[in-house]
Amino acid sequence: MPKEKPELSDAMRAKISKKTPQKNPIKGTKFTIAISSAKGGVGKSTFATNLALALKKIGCKVGLLDADIYGPSVPKMLGISEKPKSDGQKLEPIIKYDVQCMSIGFLTDQETPMIWRGPMVTSAIKTFTQKVNWKDLDFIIVDMPPGTGDTQLTFSQEIKMDGAIIISTPQEVALLDVIRGIKMFDKLSVKILGLVDNMSFFVGDDGKKYKIFGEGGVKKTAKDYQKEFLGEIPINSEIGKFGDLGKPIVESNPNHEISKIYLNFAEKIKSTYL
């Protein structure tokens, strides 16, 4: 008769669990979606903020985490100047437009530079994911900093990210960074939901489309690396205007053509996860 397999001891179980650590999801949330760009200045924070508001518009419970420690944009874009409350153990997210929000910009003066080394940034990210009282969220949208550094590694290796959306302009110099971002997420086994071509063109007074940053680069990159191309967002002065006023376009004018693009993205995400 075959010998029975011996029971694992508690010590052996502990050893195995150390070798295969589990990623910790953000408590109080179902799904974590990272908005990444790898390159700065391509409209990532605008996208993250409007996507969060679009998901809220279609009935989801949403949080917005500004993880761009060195350049937080959410306080300005949502017109938030108050400080989050704390019970000494956890921070309470600030609720604006029915979205739960957290940013390093809520805790410091907006003009104060964050002159921090990597370990301090990592510590701040862990605070925002583990010590914020996120409540019953369907999605938490994470506005990632540009690049492929400590913040991205912390999220990918220690926190369960359910997907990432990569934002780029069609410019070749931006696409080089996008390729680095794709390879980073692939190496870290983070699912890329797709690529978005932002600032893809603007429509002149003559009704013609002007593609000042080039054409088709983001779509081609998505095809080359076998990722989904999610669509284009044109340049429109209303986007910047409403963002500067602290009431992004999806909230200010949900019937605007740009808002409808964000609502379409939100519907895709909702149907994928919920």
Protein backbone atom coordinates (compact mmCIF):
# COMPACT_ATOMS: atom_id res chain seq x y z
CA MET A 1 0.00 0.00 0.00
CA PRO A 2 1.24 3.54 -0.76
CA LYS A 3 2.48 5.49 2.19
CA GLU A 4 0.33 8.36 3.38
CA LYS A 5 1.79 11.81 2.76
CA PRO A 6 3.02 13.35 6.00
CA GLU A 7 1.19 16.40 7.37
CA LEU A 8 3.03 19.69 6.94
CA SER A 9 4.29 21.17 10.16
CA ASP A 10 3.46 24.75 11.12
CA ALA A 11 7.13 25.67 10.61
CA MET A 12 7.10 24.26 7.07
CA ARG A 13 3.89 26.12 6.24
CA ALA A 14 5.47 29.34 7.48
CA LYS A 15 8.54 28.72 5.28
CA ILE A 16 6.38 28.14 2.20
CA SER A 17 4.29 31.26 2.84
CA LYS A 18 7.49 33.31 3.13
CA LYS A 19 8.68 32.03 -0.22
CA THR A 20 5.37 32.83 -1.93
CA PRO A 21 4.17 36.08 -0.38
CA GLN A 22 0.61 37.15 -1.19
CA LYS A 23 -0.03 40.61 -2.56
CA ASN A 24 -2.19 42.70 -0.26
CA PRO A 25 -5.27 44.24 -1.84
CA ILE A 26 -6.27 47.72 -0.72
CA LYS A 27 -8.81 47.17 2.04
CA GLY A 28 -12.27 48.52 1.35
CA THR A 29 -11.89 48.13 -2.42
CA LYS A 30 -12.80 45.44 -4.95
CA PHE A 31 -10.58 46.39 -7.88
CA THR A 32 -7.47 48.53 -8.25
CA ILE A 33 -6.85 50.19 -11.62
CA ALA A 34 -3.57 52.03 -12.22
CA ILE A 35 -3.38 54.92 -14.68
CA SER A 36 0.19 55.11 -15.94
CA SER A 37 2.08 57.08 -18.54
CA ALA A 38 5.79 56.32 -18.03
CA LYS A 39 6.28 59.89 -19.37
CA GLY A 40 5.09 63.09 -17.74
CA GLY A 41 2.98 65.76 -19.43
CA VAL A 42 0.71 63.48 -21.47
CA GLY A 43 -2.50 64.07 -19.51
CA LYS A 44 -2.41 61.10 -17.14
CA SER A 45 -3.85 62.92 -14.11
CA THR A 46 -6.60 64.48 -16.22
CA PHE A 47 -7.47 61.01 -17.50
CA ALA A 48 -7.44 59.43 -14.02
CA THR A 49 -9.66 62.13 -12.54
CA ASN A 50 -12.21 62.12 -15.35
CA LEU A 51 -12.29 58.31 -15.48
CA ALA A 52 -13.03 58.17 -11.75
CA LEU A 53 -15.88 60.64 -12.21
CA ALA A 54 -17.18 58.72 -15.24
CA LEU A 55 -17.27 55.47 -13.26
CA LYS A 56 -19.18 57.30 -10.54
CA LYS A 57 -21.63 58.63 -13.15
CA ILE A 58 -22.52 55.09 -14.26
CA GLY A 59 -23.26 53.91 -10.74
CA CYS A 60 -19.94 52.63 -9.37
CA LYS A 61 -18.51 53.45 -5.95
CA VAL A 62 -15.12 54.98 -6.70
CA GLY A 63 -11.95 56.12 -4.96
CA LEU A 64 -9.15 58.20 -6.46
CA LEU A 65 -5.64 57.77 -5.06
CA ASP A 66 -3.08 60.33 -6.19
CA ALA A 67 0.16 58.34 -5.99
CA ASP A 68 2.22 60.98 -7.78
CA ILE A 69 4.13 61.99 -4.66
CA TYR A 70 6.44 64.50 -6.36
CA GLY A 71 3.76 66.18 -8.48
CA PRO A 72 0.26 65.69 -7.03
CA SER A 73 -2.46 67.11 -9.30
CA VAL A 74 -5.70 65.88 -7.72
CA PRO A 75 -6.04 68.70 -5.12
CA LYS A 76 -6.04 71.33 -7.88
CA MET A 77 -8.10 69.35 -10.37
CA LEU A 78 -10.84 68.63 -7.82
CA GLY A 79 -10.60 71.96 -6.00
CA ILE A 80 -9.75 70.36 -2.63
CA SER A 81 -7.92 72.49 -0.05
CA GLU A 82 -9.00 70.84 3.21
CA LYS A 83 -6.92 68.39 5.26
CA PRO A 84 -8.08 64.79 5.79
CA LYS A 85 -9.31 63.85 9.28
CA SER A 86 -7.58 61.16 11.31
CA ASP A 87 -8.42 59.12 14.40
CA GLY A 88 -4.71 58.56 15.07
CA GLN A 89 -4.79 55.20 13.30
CA LYS A 90 -6.29 55.87 9.90
CA LEU A 91 -6.87 58.80 7.57
CA GLU A 92 -10.37 59.52 6.29
CA PRO A 93 -10.53 60.08 2.51
CA ILE A 94 -11.91 63.44 1.42
CA ILE A 95 -15.14 63.04 -0.53
CA LYS A 96 -15.62 65.30 -3.56
CA TYR A 97 -18.30 64.80 -6.21
CA ASP A 98 -19.14 61.47 -4.45
CA VAL A 99 -15.60 60.17 -5.06
CA GLN A 100 -13.34 59.20 -2.12
CA CYS A 101 -9.98 60.94 -2.63
CA MET A 102 -6.50 60.89 -1.10
CA SER A 103 -3.32 62.72 -2.09
CA ILE A 104 -0.04 63.80 -0.52
CA GLY A 105 -1.16 67.25 -1.67
CA PHE A 106 -3.88 67.18 1.02
CA LEU A 107 -1.22 66.88 3.72
CA THR A 108 1.30 69.49 2.54
CA ASP A 109 1.29 72.97 1.09
CA GLN A 110 0.83 72.73 -2.68
CA GLU A 111 3.95 74.84 -3.29
CA THR A 112 6.16 72.76 -0.98
CA PRO A 113 8.46 70.42 -2.95
CA MET A 114 8.62 66.79 -1.82
CA ILE A 115 12.39 66.35 -1.50
CA TRP A 116 12.22 62.68 -0.57
CA ARG A 117 14.34 59.62 -1.24
CA GLY A 118 12.80 56.38 -2.48
CA PRO A 119 12.12 54.73 0.91
CA MET A 120 10.10 57.74 2.07
CA VAL A 121 8.00 57.60 -1.10
CA THR A 122 7.41 53.88 -0.56
CA SER A 123 6.36 54.55 3.03
CA ALA A 124 3.87 57.21 1.90
CA ILE A 125 2.36 54.85 -0.67
CA LYS A 126 1.93 52.13 1.96
CA THR A 127 0.21 54.65 4.24
CA PHE A 128 -2.26 55.60 1.49
CA THR A 129 -3.05 51.97 0.67
CA GLN A 130 -3.09 50.50 4.18
CA LYS A 131 -3.99 53.37 6.51
CA VAL A 132 -6.76 55.18 4.66
CA ASN A 133 -10.31 54.23 5.55
CA TRP A 134 -11.52 53.45 2.03
CA LYS A 135 -15.17 52.41 2.25
CA ASP A 136 -16.97 49.83 0.08
CA LEU A 137 -15.39 50.82 -3.24
CA ASP A 138 -16.00 49.00 -6.51
CA PHE A 139 -12.89 50.63 -8.01
CA ILE A 140 -9.95 52.62 -6.77
CA ILE A 141 -8.28 54.57 -9.58
CA VAL A 142 -4.58 55.16 -8.90
CA ASP A 143 -2.93 58.14 -10.57
CA MET A 144 0.61 56.79 -10.86
CA PRO A 145 3.69 59.00 -11.16
CA PRO A 146 5.55 59.01 -14.49
CA GLY A 147 8.47 56.65 -14.89
CA THR A 148 9.27 53.10 -13.82
CA GLY A 149 10.60 53.58 -10.30
CA ASP A 150 9.87 52.89 -6.62
CA THR A 151 6.15 53.69 -6.68
CA GLN A 152 5.42 51.41 -9.61
CA LEU A 153 7.44 48.60 -8.03
CA THR A 154 5.69 48.99 -4.67
CA PHE A 155 2.25 48.78 -6.27
CA SER A 156 3.16 45.91 -8.56
CA GLN A 157 5.05 43.77 -6.07
CA GLU A 158 3.22 44.40 -2.80
CA ILE A 159 -0.29 45.53 -3.73
CA LYS A 160 -2.78 43.63 -5.86
CA MET A 161 -3.28 45.68 -9.03
CA ASP A 162 -6.10 44.34 -11.18
CA GLY A 163 -5.15 46.27 -14.28
CA ALA A 164 -3.30 49.23 -15.76
CA ILE A 165 -4.20 51.71 -18.48
CA ILE A 166 -1.30 53.43 -20.23
CA ILE A 167 -1.76 57.00 -21.50
CA SER A 168 0.38 58.51 -24.26
CA THR A 169 0.47 61.17 -26.91
CA PRO A 170 1.33 60.02 -30.46
CA GLN A 171 4.78 61.66 -30.22
CA GLU A 172 7.68 59.26 -30.75
CA VAL A 173 9.55 60.44 -27.65
CA ALA A 174 6.47 59.63 -25.56
CA LEU A 175 6.03 56.24 -27.19
CA LEU A 176 9.58 55.20 -26.24
CA ASP A 177 8.58 55.61 -22.59
CA VAL A 178 5.30 53.77 -23.23
CA ILE A 179 7.23 50.76 -24.49
CA ARG A 180 9.30 50.80 -21.28
CA GLY A 181 6.06 50.96 -19.28
CA ILE A 182 4.56 48.01 -21.19
CA LYS A 183 7.67 45.92 -20.57
CA MET A 184 7.70 46.87 -16.88
CA PHE A 185 4.07 45.83 -16.31
CA ASP A 186 4.57 42.63 -18.32
CA LYS A 187 7.65 41.75 -16.28
CA LEU A 188 5.74 42.42 -13.04
CA SER A 189 2.73 40.38 -14.25
CA VAL A 190 0.30 43.31 -14.16
CA LYS A 191 -2.50 43.06 -16.72
CA ILE A 192 -2.51 45.99 -19.17
CA LEU A 193 -6.11 46.84 -20.00
CA GLY A 194 -5.06 48.92 -22.97
CA LEU A 195 -3.45 52.06 -24.38
CA VAL A 196 -5.10 55.47 -24.84
CA ASP A 197 -4.04 58.02 -27.45
CA ASN A 198 -4.41 61.36 -25.64
CA MET A 199 -4.15 64.79 -27.31
CA SER A 200 -4.44 62.89 -30.58
CA PHE A 201 -5.68 65.87 -32.63
CA PHE A 202 -7.62 69.10 -32.45
CA VAL A 203 -10.40 70.36 -34.69
CA GLY A 204 -9.75 73.83 -36.11
CA ASP A 205 -12.29 76.54 -36.85
CA ASP A 206 -12.31 75.23 -40.41
CA GLY A 207 -13.59 71.86 -39.18
CA LYS A 208 -10.41 70.00 -40.13
CA LYS A 209 -8.48 67.66 -37.82
CA TYR A 210 -4.91 68.72 -37.05
CA LYS A 211 -2.63 65.98 -35.69
CA ILE A 212 0.17 68.11 -34.28
CA PHE A 213 1.87 65.27 -32.34
CA GLY A 214 1.80 62.77 -35.21
CA GLU A 215 -0.65 60.07 -36.13
CA GLY A 216 -1.26 56.41 -35.35
CA GLY A 217 1.76 55.87 -33.09
CA VAL A 218 -0.14 54.72 -30.01
CA LYS A 219 -2.36 52.37 -32.01
CA LYS A 220 0.68 50.87 -33.76
CA THR A 221 2.51 50.42 -30.43
CA ALA A 222 -0.54 48.61 -29.01
CA LYS A 223 -0.60 46.31 -32.02
CA ASP A 224 3.17 45.68 -31.93
CA TYR A 225 3.02 44.63 -28.26
CA GLN A 226 -0.32 42.81 -28.53
CA LYS A 227 -2.24 45.19 -26.24
CA GLU A 228 -5.71 46.58 -26.74
CA PHE A 229 -6.05 50.07 -28.21
CA LEU A 230 -8.79 51.75 -26.17
CA GLY A 231 -9.25 54.88 -28.29
CA GLU A 232 -8.40 58.54 -28.84
CA ILE A 233 -9.04 61.70 -26.81
CA PRO A 234 -8.70 64.91 -28.85
CA ILE A 235 -7.29 68.20 -27.59
CA ASN A 236 -10.08 70.46 -26.36
CA SER A 237 -9.72 73.73 -24.45
CA GLU A 238 -12.70 72.84 -22.24
CA ILE A 239 -10.73 69.99 -20.62
CA GLY A 240 -8.03 72.28 -19.24
CA LYS A 241 -10.48 75.06 -18.36
CA PHE A 242 -12.72 72.87 -16.20
CA GLY A 243 -9.72 71.10 -14.65
CA ASP A 244 -8.26 74.45 -13.56
CA LEU A 245 -11.61 75.40 -12.03
CA GLY A 246 -11.59 72.25 -9.87
CA LYS A 247 -14.60 70.69 -11.61
CA PRO A 248 -13.40 68.33 -14.38
CA ILE A 249 -15.27 68.14 -17.64
CA VAL A 250 -17.10 64.87 -16.89
CA GLU A 251 -18.60 66.51 -13.80
CA SER A 252 -19.08 69.97 -15.31
CA ASN A 253 -20.60 68.88 -18.59
CA PRO A 254 -21.40 65.15 -18.80
CA ASN A 255 -22.99 65.63 -22.23
CA HIS A 256 -19.81 67.08 -23.78
CA GLU A 257 -18.23 64.99 -26.57
CA ILE A 258 -15.10 64.50 -24.41
CA SER A 259 -17.18 63.38 -21.41
CA LYS A 260 -18.88 60.78 -23.60
CA ILE A 261 -15.45 59.32 -24.47
CA TYR A 262 -14.67 58.93 -20.75
CA LEU A 263 -18.09 57.44 -20.06
CA ASN A 264 -17.43 54.90 -22.81
CA PHE A 265 -14.11 53.95 -21.17
CA ALA A 266 -15.92 53.63 -17.83
CA GLU A 267 -18.56 51.32 -19.30
CA LYS A 268 -15.81 49.07 -20.71
CA ILE A 269 -14.12 48.82 -17.31
CA LYS A 270 -17.38 48.19 -15.48
CA SER A 271 -18.40 45.42 -17.89
CA THR A 272 -14.96 43.82 -17.54
CA TYR A 273 -14.97 43.61 -13.73
CA LEU A 274 -18.51 43.91 -12.37
